[in-house]
Amino acid sequence: MPEKRKLNRLKVVLAERGKTAVWLAEQMGKDIATVSRWNRNVQQPSLESLFEMAELLGVEVCELLEKYPPQGGAKIPPGKS
């Protein structure tokens, strides 16, 4: 079974900020199970949730997202994006 691509960096950013998924769930009024799924990249948050997380964590939204393509990944040819 192929490995699922990680789309968000929530787990990393939470660790960098010294925060937990429980803290984030409480701040957002979300169930811990929902935030846990985001944290494990099982499910992705909505855009609205991404903006709310960024504000709570004091980061730009782009810091919560993995870069695409990942380092060493396939390049998108010019004019094809």
PDB file of N, CA and C in Angstrom:
ATOM      1  N   MET A   1       0.842  -1.172   0.000  1.00  0.00           N
ATOM      2  CA  MET A   1       0.000   0.000   0.000  1.00  0.00           C
ATOM      3  C   MET A   1       0.893   1.242   0.000  1.00  0.00           C
ATOM      4  N   PRO A   2       0.677   2.185  -0.930  1.00  0.00           N
ATOM      5  CA  PRO A   2       1.530   3.363  -0.990  1.00  0.00           C
ATOM      6  C   PRO A   2       1.329   4.266   0.227  1.00  0.00           C
ATOM      7  N   GLU A   3       2.426   4.934   0.622  1.00  0.00           N
ATOM      8  CA  GLU A   3       2.364   5.839   1.761  1.00  0.00           C
ATOM      9  C   GLU A   3       1.532   7.069   1.405  1.00  0.00           C
ATOM     10  N   LYS A   4       0.675   7.471   2.310  1.00  0.00           N
ATOM     11  CA  LYS A   4      -0.173   8.636   2.096  1.00  0.00           C
ATOM     12  C   LYS A   4       0.686   9.897   2.197  1.00  0.00           C
ATOM     13  N   ARG A   5       0.501  10.814   1.265  1.00  0.00           N
ATOM     14  CA  ARG A   5       1.282  12.034   1.240  1.00  0.00           C
ATOM     15  C   ARG A   5       0.848  12.968   2.373  1.00  0.00           C
ATOM     16  N   LYS A   6       1.820  13.506   3.078  1.00  0.00           N
ATOM     17  CA  LYS A   6       1.532  14.456   4.139  1.00  0.00           C
ATOM     18  C   LYS A   6       1.280  15.817   3.514  1.00  0.00           C
ATOM     19  N   LEU A   7       0.146  16.422   3.845  1.00  0.00           N
ATOM     20  CA  LEU A   7      -0.222  17.708   3.278  1.00  0.00           C
ATOM     21  C   LEU A   7      -0.047  18.852   4.265  1.00  0.00           C
ATOM     22  N   ASN A   8      -0.135  18.561   5.555  1.00  0.00           N
ATOM     23  CA  ASN A   8       0.027  19.650   6.520  1.00  0.00           C
ATOM     24  C   ASN A   8       1.179  19.363   7.475  1.00  0.00           C
ATOM     25  N   ARG A   9       1.650  20.429   8.111  1.00  0.00           N
ATOM     26  CA  ARG A   9       2.774  20.368   9.042  1.00  0.00           C
ATOM     27  C   ARG A   9       2.319  20.667  10.470  1.00  0.00           C
ATOM     28  N   LEU A  10       1.059  20.421  10.763  1.00  0.00           N
ATOM     29  CA  LEU A  10       0.508  20.788  12.059  1.00  0.00           C
ATOM     30  C   LEU A  10       1.310  20.197  13.212  1.00  0.00           C
ATOM     31  N   LYS A  11       1.640  18.922  13.135  1.00  0.00           N
ATOM     32  CA  LYS A  11       2.377  18.264  14.222  1.00  0.00           C
ATOM     33  C   LYS A  11       3.706  18.979  14.484  1.00  0.00           C
ATOM     34  N   VAL A  12       4.400  19.341  13.426  1.00  0.00           N
ATOM     35  CA  VAL A  12       5.696  20.017  13.532  1.00  0.00           C
ATOM     36  C   VAL A  12       5.526  21.403  14.148  1.00  0.00           C
ATOM     37  N   VAL A  13       4.559  22.164  13.653  1.00  0.00           N
ATOM     38  CA  VAL A  13       4.350  23.534  14.142  1.00  0.00           C
ATOM     39  C   VAL A  13       3.911  23.527  15.603  1.00  0.00           C
ATOM     40  N   LEU A  14       3.043  22.608  15.976  1.00  0.00           N
ATOM     41  CA  LEU A  14       2.646  22.505  17.385  1.00  0.00           C
ATOM     42  C   LEU A  14       3.873  22.258  18.262  1.00  0.00           C
ATOM     43  N   ALA A  15       4.737  21.345  17.853  1.00  0.00           N
ATOM     44  CA  ALA A  15       5.948  21.045  18.627  1.00  0.00           C
ATOM     45  C   ALA A  15       6.864  22.267  18.701  1.00  0.00           C
ATOM     46  N   GLU A  16       7.029  22.965  17.587  1.00  0.00           N
ATOM     47  CA  GLU A  16       7.876  24.159  17.558  1.00  0.00           C
ATOM     48  C   GLU A  16       7.354  25.236  18.510  1.00  0.00           C
ATOM     49  N   ARG A  17       6.044  25.319  18.651  1.00  0.00           N
ATOM     50  CA  ARG A  17       5.413  26.340  19.500  1.00  0.00           C
ATOM     51  C   ARG A  17       5.180  25.864  20.931  1.00  0.00           C
ATOM     52  N   GLY A  18       5.546  24.611  21.209  1.00  0.00           N
ATOM     53  CA  GLY A  18       5.357  24.073  22.559  1.00  0.00           C
ATOM     54  C   GLY A  18       3.897  23.892  22.927  1.00  0.00           C
ATOM     55  N   LYS A  19       3.073  23.618  21.923  1.00  0.00           N
ATOM     56  CA  LYS A  19       1.634  23.439  22.132  1.00  0.00           C
ATOM     57  C   LYS A  19       1.262  21.988  21.828  1.00  0.00           C
ATOM     58  N   THR A  20       0.077  21.593  22.291  1.00  0.00           N
ATOM     59  CA  THR A  20      -0.393  20.225  22.058  1.00  0.00           C
ATOM     60  C   THR A  20      -1.673  20.246  21.225  1.00  0.00           C
ATOM     61  N   ALA A  21      -2.014  19.088  20.708  1.00  0.00           N
ATOM     62  CA  ALA A  21      -3.267  18.945  19.963  1.00  0.00           C
ATOM     63  C   ALA A  21      -4.460  19.190  20.889  1.00  0.00           C
ATOM     64  N   VAL A  22      -4.335  18.810  22.140  1.00  0.00           N
ATOM     65  CA  VAL A  22      -5.408  19.045  23.114  1.00  0.00           C
ATOM     66  C   VAL A  22      -5.621  20.546  23.290  1.00  0.00           C
ATOM     67  N   TRP A  23      -4.529  21.294  23.436  1.00  0.00           N
ATOM     68  CA  TRP A  23      -4.618  22.757  23.562  1.00  0.00           C
ATOM     69  C   TRP A  23      -5.316  23.356  22.348  1.00  0.00           C
ATOM     70  N   LEU A  24      -4.892  22.929  21.153  1.00  0.00           N
ATOM     71  CA  LEU A  24      -5.468  23.472  19.929  1.00  0.00           C
ATOM     72  C   LEU A  24      -6.956  23.147  19.830  1.00  0.00           C
ATOM     73  N   ALA A  25      -7.324  21.921  20.161  1.00  0.00           N
ATOM     74  CA  ALA A  25      -8.734  21.522  20.129  1.00  0.00           C
ATOM     75  C   ALA A  25      -9.561  22.404  21.063  1.00  0.00           C
ATOM     76  N   GLU A  26      -9.043  22.647  22.248  1.00  0.00           N
ATOM     77  CA  GLU A  26      -9.760  23.492  23.212  1.00  0.00           C
ATOM     78  C   GLU A  26      -9.905  24.923  22.698  1.00  0.00           C
ATOM     79  N   GLN A  27      -8.836  25.475  22.141  1.00  0.00           N
ATOM     80  CA  GLN A  27      -8.860  26.848  21.636  1.00  0.00           C
ATOM     81  C   GLN A  27      -9.840  27.016  20.475  1.00  0.00           C
ATOM     82  N   MET A  28      -9.945  25.968  19.652  1.00  0.00           N
ATOM     83  CA  MET A  28     -10.800  26.031  18.462  1.00  0.00           C
ATOM     84  C   MET A  28     -12.219  25.542  18.727  1.00  0.00           C
ATOM     85  N   GLY A  29     -12.452  24.953  19.895  1.00  0.00           N
ATOM     86  CA  GLY A  29     -13.763  24.384  20.180  1.00  0.00           C
ATOM     87  C   GLY A  29     -14.050  23.152  19.330  1.00  0.00           C
ATOM     88  N   LYS A  30     -12.996  22.401  19.012  1.00  0.00           N
ATOM     89  CA  LYS A  30     -13.120  21.185  18.205  1.00  0.00           C
ATOM     90  C   LYS A  30     -12.909  19.955  19.077  1.00  0.00           C
ATOM     91  N   ASP A  31     -13.419  18.844  18.628  1.00  0.00           N
ATOM     92  CA  ASP A  31     -13.192  17.575  19.301  1.00  0.00           C
ATOM     93  C   ASP A  31     -11.727  17.185  19.140  1.00  0.00           C
ATOM     94  N   ILE A  32     -11.119  16.640  20.179  1.00  0.00           N
ATOM     95  CA  ILE A  32      -9.713  16.236  20.110  1.00  0.00           C
ATOM     96  C   ILE A  32      -9.487  15.202  19.006  1.00  0.00           C
ATOM     97  N   ALA A  33     -10.468  14.356  18.756  1.00  0.00           N
ATOM     98  CA  ALA A  33     -10.323  13.342  17.696  1.00  0.00           C
ATOM     99  C   ALA A  33     -10.158  14.001  16.328  1.00  0.00           C
ATOM    100  N   THR A  34     -10.858  15.108  16.099  1.00  0.00           N
ATOM    101  CA  THR A  34     -10.742  15.832  14.823  1.00  0.00           C
ATOM    102  C   THR A  34      -9.348  16.396  14.672  1.00  0.00           C
ATOM    103  N   VAL A  35      -8.860  17.080  15.701  1.00  0.00           N
ATOM    104  CA  VAL A  35      -7.522  17.678  15.645  1.00  0.00           C
ATOM    105  C   VAL A  35      -6.465  16.585  15.534  1.00  0.00           C
ATOM    106  N   SER A  36      -6.679  15.467  16.182  1.00  0.00           N
ATOM    107  CA  SER A  36      -5.751  14.338  16.086  1.00  0.00           C
ATOM    108  C   SER A  36      -5.654  13.823  14.650  1.00  0.00           C
ATOM    109  N   ARG A  37      -6.785  13.760  13.957  1.00  0.00           N
ATOM    110  CA  ARG A  37      -6.766  13.315  12.549  1.00  0.00           C
ATOM    111  C   ARG A  37      -5.995  14.307  11.676  1.00  0.00           C
ATOM    112  N   TRP A  38      -6.156  15.596  11.950  1.00  0.00           N
ATOM    113  CA  TRP A  38      -5.379  16.600  11.204  1.00  0.00           C
ATOM    114  C   TRP A  38      -3.898  16.423  11.511  1.00  0.00           C
ATOM    115  N   ASN A  39      -3.589  16.248  12.792  1.00  0.00           N
ATOM    116  CA  ASN A  39      -2.214  16.127  13.270  1.00  0.00           C
ATOM    117  C   ASN A  39      -1.496  14.934  12.627  1.00  0.00           C
ATOM    118  N   ARG A  40      -2.231  13.863  12.365  1.00  0.00           N
ATOM    119  CA  ARG A  40      -1.661  12.650  11.763  1.00  0.00           C
ATOM    120  C   ARG A  40      -1.806  12.623  10.244  1.00  0.00           C
ATOM    121  N   ASN A  41      -2.359  13.684   9.655  1.00  0.00           N
ATOM    122  CA  ASN A  41      -2.577  13.774   8.212  1.00  0.00           C
ATOM    123  C   ASN A  41      -3.524  12.701   7.697  1.00  0.00           C
ATOM    124  N   VAL A  42      -4.419  12.243   8.554  1.00  0.00           N
ATOM    125  CA  VAL A  42      -5.444  11.280   8.150  1.00  0.00           C
ATOM    126  C   VAL A  42      -6.565  12.029   7.440  1.00  0.00           C
ATOM    127  N   GLN A  43      -6.823  13.234   7.923  1.00  0.00           N
ATOM    128  CA  GLN A  43      -7.850  14.111   7.373  1.00  0.00           C
ATOM    129  C   GLN A  43      -7.246  15.511   7.347  1.00  0.00           C
ATOM    130  N   GLN A  44      -7.747  16.363   6.448  1.00  0.00           N
ATOM    131  CA  GLN A  44      -7.216  17.717   6.337  1.00  0.00           C
ATOM    132  C   GLN A  44      -8.238  18.742   6.827  1.00  0.00           C
ATOM    133  N   PRO A  45      -7.744  19.798   7.497  1.00  0.00           N
ATOM    134  CA  PRO A  45      -8.652  20.840   7.971  1.00  0.00           C
ATOM    135  C   PRO A  45      -9.169  21.698   6.818  1.00  0.00           C
ATOM    136  N   SER A  46     -10.286  22.359   7.054  1.00  0.00           N
ATOM    137  CA  SER A  46     -10.821  23.294   6.062  1.00  0.00           C
ATOM    138  C   SER A  46      -9.913  24.525   5.993  1.00  0.00           C
ATOM    139  N   LEU A  47     -10.091  25.322   4.959  1.00  0.00           N
ATOM    140  CA  LEU A  47      -9.327  26.565   4.852  1.00  0.00           C
ATOM    141  C   LEU A  47      -9.600  27.472   6.042  1.00  0.00           C
ATOM    142  N   GLU A  48     -10.856  27.550   6.442  1.00  0.00           N
ATOM    143  CA  GLU A  48     -11.207  28.378   7.592  1.00  0.00           C
ATOM    144  C   GLU A  48     -10.458  27.909   8.839  1.00  0.00           C
ATOM    145  N   SER A  49     -10.388  26.603   9.028  1.00  0.00           N
ATOM    146  CA  SER A  49      -9.671  26.054  10.187  1.00  0.00           C
ATOM    147  C   SER A  49      -8.174  26.326  10.090  1.00  0.00           C
ATOM    148  N   LEU A  50      -7.614  26.237   8.892  1.00  0.00           N
ATOM    149  CA  LEU A  50      -6.190  26.537   8.713  1.00  0.00           C
ATOM    150  C   LEU A  50      -5.881  27.973   9.118  1.00  0.00           C
ATOM    151  N   PHE A  51      -6.726  28.909   8.699  1.00  0.00           N
ATOM    152  CA  PHE A  51      -6.516  30.310   9.054  1.00  0.00           C
ATOM    153  C   PHE A  51      -6.648  30.522  10.559  1.00  0.00           C
ATOM    154  N   GLU A  52      -7.617  29.854  11.180  1.00  0.00           N
ATOM    155  CA  GLU A  52      -7.791  29.971  12.625  1.00  0.00           C
ATOM    156  C   GLU A  52      -6.583  29.394  13.364  1.00  0.00           C
ATOM    157  N   MET A  53      -6.097  28.232  12.915  1.00  0.00           N
ATOM    158  CA  MET A  53      -4.913  27.626  13.533  1.00  0.00           C
ATOM    159  C   MET A  53      -3.705  28.531  13.414  1.00  0.00           C
ATOM    160  N   ALA A  54      -3.517  29.102  12.225  1.00  0.00           N
ATOM    161  CA  ALA A  54      -2.374  29.983  12.004  1.00  0.00           C
ATOM    162  C   ALA A  54      -2.410  31.161  12.970  1.00  0.00           C
ATOM    163  N   GLU A  55      -3.581  31.739  13.141  1.00  0.00           N
ATOM    164  CA  GLU A  55      -3.709  32.877  14.062  1.00  0.00           C
ATOM    165  C   GLU A  55      -3.407  32.457  15.498  1.00  0.00           C
ATOM    166  N   LEU A  56      -3.962  31.328  15.920  1.00  0.00           N
ATOM    167  CA  LEU A  56      -3.734  30.850  17.288  1.00  0.00           C
ATOM    168  C   LEU A  56      -2.267  30.519  17.550  1.00  0.00           C
ATOM    169  N   LEU A  57      -1.591  29.998  16.523  1.00  0.00           N
ATOM    170  CA  LEU A  57      -0.195  29.579  16.675  1.00  0.00           C
ATOM    171  C   LEU A  57       0.804  30.680  16.333  1.00  0.00           C
ATOM    172  N   GLY A  58       0.306  31.805  15.827  1.00  0.00           N
ATOM    173  CA  GLY A  58       1.195  32.924  15.504  1.00  0.00           C
ATOM    174  C   GLY A  58       2.096  32.659  14.319  1.00  0.00           C
ATOM    175  N   VAL A  59       1.553  31.954  13.316  1.00  0.00           N
ATOM    176  CA  VAL A  59       2.333  31.644  12.100  1.00  0.00           C
ATOM    177  C   VAL A  59       1.517  32.026  10.861  1.00  0.00           C
ATOM    178  N   GLU A  60       2.179  32.045   9.728  1.00  0.00           N
ATOM    179  CA  GLU A  60       1.493  32.231   8.454  1.00  0.00           C
ATOM    180  C   GLU A  60       0.852  30.896   8.055  1.00  0.00           C
ATOM    181  N   VAL A  61      -0.248  30.958   7.340  1.00  0.00           N
ATOM    182  CA  VAL A  61      -0.936  29.735   6.899  1.00  0.00           C
ATOM    183  C   VAL A  61       0.022  28.825   6.132  1.00  0.00           C
ATOM    184  N   CYS A  62       0.873  29.409   5.285  1.00  0.00           N
ATOM    185  CA  CYS A  62       1.784  28.593   4.471  1.00  0.00           C
ATOM    186  C   CYS A  62       2.734  27.750   5.325  1.00  0.00           C
ATOM    187  N   GLU A  63       2.993  28.169   6.574  1.00  0.00           N
ATOM    188  CA  GLU A  63       3.858  27.391   7.459  1.00  0.00           C
ATOM    189  C   GLU A  63       3.179  26.109   7.940  1.00  0.00           C
ATOM    190  N   LEU A  64       1.861  26.050   7.802  1.00  0.00           N
ATOM    191  CA  LEU A  64       1.118  24.856   8.209  1.00  0.00           C
ATOM    192  C   LEU A  64       0.993  23.838   7.081  1.00  0.00           C
ATOM    193  N   LEU A  65       1.465  24.196   5.886  1.00  0.00           N
ATOM    194  CA  LEU A  65       1.322  23.331   4.714  1.00  0.00           C
ATOM    195  C   LEU A  65       2.673  22.825   4.237  1.00  0.00           C
ATOM    196  N   GLU A  66       2.702  21.584   3.789  1.00  0.00           N
ATOM    197  CA  GLU A  66       3.914  21.027   3.187  1.00  0.00           C
ATOM    198  C   GLU A  66       4.160  21.705   1.858  1.00  0.00           C
ATOM    199  N   LYS A  67       5.423  21.856   1.520  1.00  0.00           N
ATOM    200  CA  LYS A  67       5.751  22.418   0.213  1.00  0.00           C
ATOM    201  C   LYS A  67       5.504  21.370  -0.855  1.00  0.00           C
ATOM    202  N   TYR A  68       5.055  21.829  -2.010  1.00  0.00           N
ATOM    203  CA  TYR A  68       4.827  20.897  -3.120  1.00  0.00           C
ATOM    204  C   TYR A  68       5.525  21.439  -4.342  1.00  0.00           C
ATOM    205  N   PRO A  69       6.282  20.675  -5.071  1.00  0.00           N
ATOM    206  CA  PRO A  69       6.592  19.275  -4.741  1.00  0.00           C
ATOM    207  C   PRO A  69       7.588  19.204  -3.595  1.00  0.00           C
ATOM    208  N   PRO A  70       7.580  18.085  -2.865  1.00  0.00           N
ATOM    209  CA  PRO A  70       8.538  17.919  -1.775  1.00  0.00           C
ATOM    210  C   PRO A  70       9.956  17.978  -2.317  1.00  0.00           C
ATOM    211  N   GLN A  71      10.904  18.323  -1.480  1.00  0.00           N
ATOM    212  CA  GLN A  71      12.298  18.380  -1.915  1.00  0.00           C
ATOM    213  C   GLN A  71      12.687  17.089  -2.600  1.00  0.00           C
ATOM    214  N   GLY A  72      13.298  17.222  -3.753  1.00  0.00           N
ATOM    215  CA  GLY A  72      13.718  16.052  -4.499  1.00  0.00           C
ATOM    216  C   GLY A  72      12.612  15.426  -5.317  1.00  0.00           C
ATOM    217  N   GLY A  73      11.402  15.999  -5.231  1.00  0.00           N
ATOM    218  CA  GLY A  73      10.255  15.467  -5.970  1.00  0.00           C
ATOM    219  C   GLY A  73      10.259  15.931  -7.407  1.00  0.00           C
ATOM    220  N   ALA A  74       9.289  15.482  -8.143  1.00  0.00           N
ATOM    221  CA  ALA A  74       9.161  15.850  -9.551  1.00  0.00           C
ATOM    222  C   ALA A  74       8.887  17.334  -9.666  1.00  0.00           C
ATOM    223  N   LYS A  75       9.490  17.939 -10.649  1.00  0.00           N
ATOM    224  CA  LYS A  75       9.280  19.367 -10.909  1.00  0.00           C
ATOM    225  C   LYS A  75       8.119  19.548 -11.869  1.00  0.00           C
ATOM    226  N   ILE A  76       7.372  20.632 -11.694  1.00  0.00           N
ATOM    227  CA  ILE A  76       6.296  20.964 -12.610  1.00  0.00           C
ATOM    228  C   ILE A  76       6.913  21.766 -13.738  1.00  0.00           C
ATOM    229  N   PRO A  77       6.756  21.326 -14.989  1.00  0.00           N
ATOM    230  CA  PRO A  77       7.360  22.048 -16.110  1.00  0.00           C
ATOM    231  C   PRO A  77       6.813  23.476 -16.206  1.00  0.00           C
ATOM    232  N   PRO A  78       7.630  24.429 -16.659  1.00  0.00           N
ATOM    233  CA  PRO A  78       7.162  25.806 -16.811  1.00  0.00           C
ATOM    234  C   PRO A  78       5.902  25.849 -17.673  1.00  0.00           C
ATOM    235  N   GLY A  79       4.971  26.699 -17.275  1.00  0.00           N
ATOM    236  CA  GLY A  79       3.745  26.863 -18.029  1.00  0.00           C
ATOM    237  C   GLY A  79       2.703  25.795 -17.762  1.00  0.00           C
ATOM    238  N   LYS A  80       2.997  24.829 -16.886  1.00  0.00           N
ATOM    239  CA  LYS A  80       2.054  23.740 -16.609  1.00  0.00           C
ATOM    240  C   LYS A  80       1.376  23.879 -15.253  1.00  0.00           C
ATOM    241  N   SER A  81       1.704  24.931 -14.490  1.00  0.00           N
ATOM    242  CA  SER A  81       1.117  25.055 -13.145  1.00  0.00           C
ATOM    243  C   SER A  81      -0.189  25.804 -13.179  1.00  0.00           C
TER     244      SER A  81
END
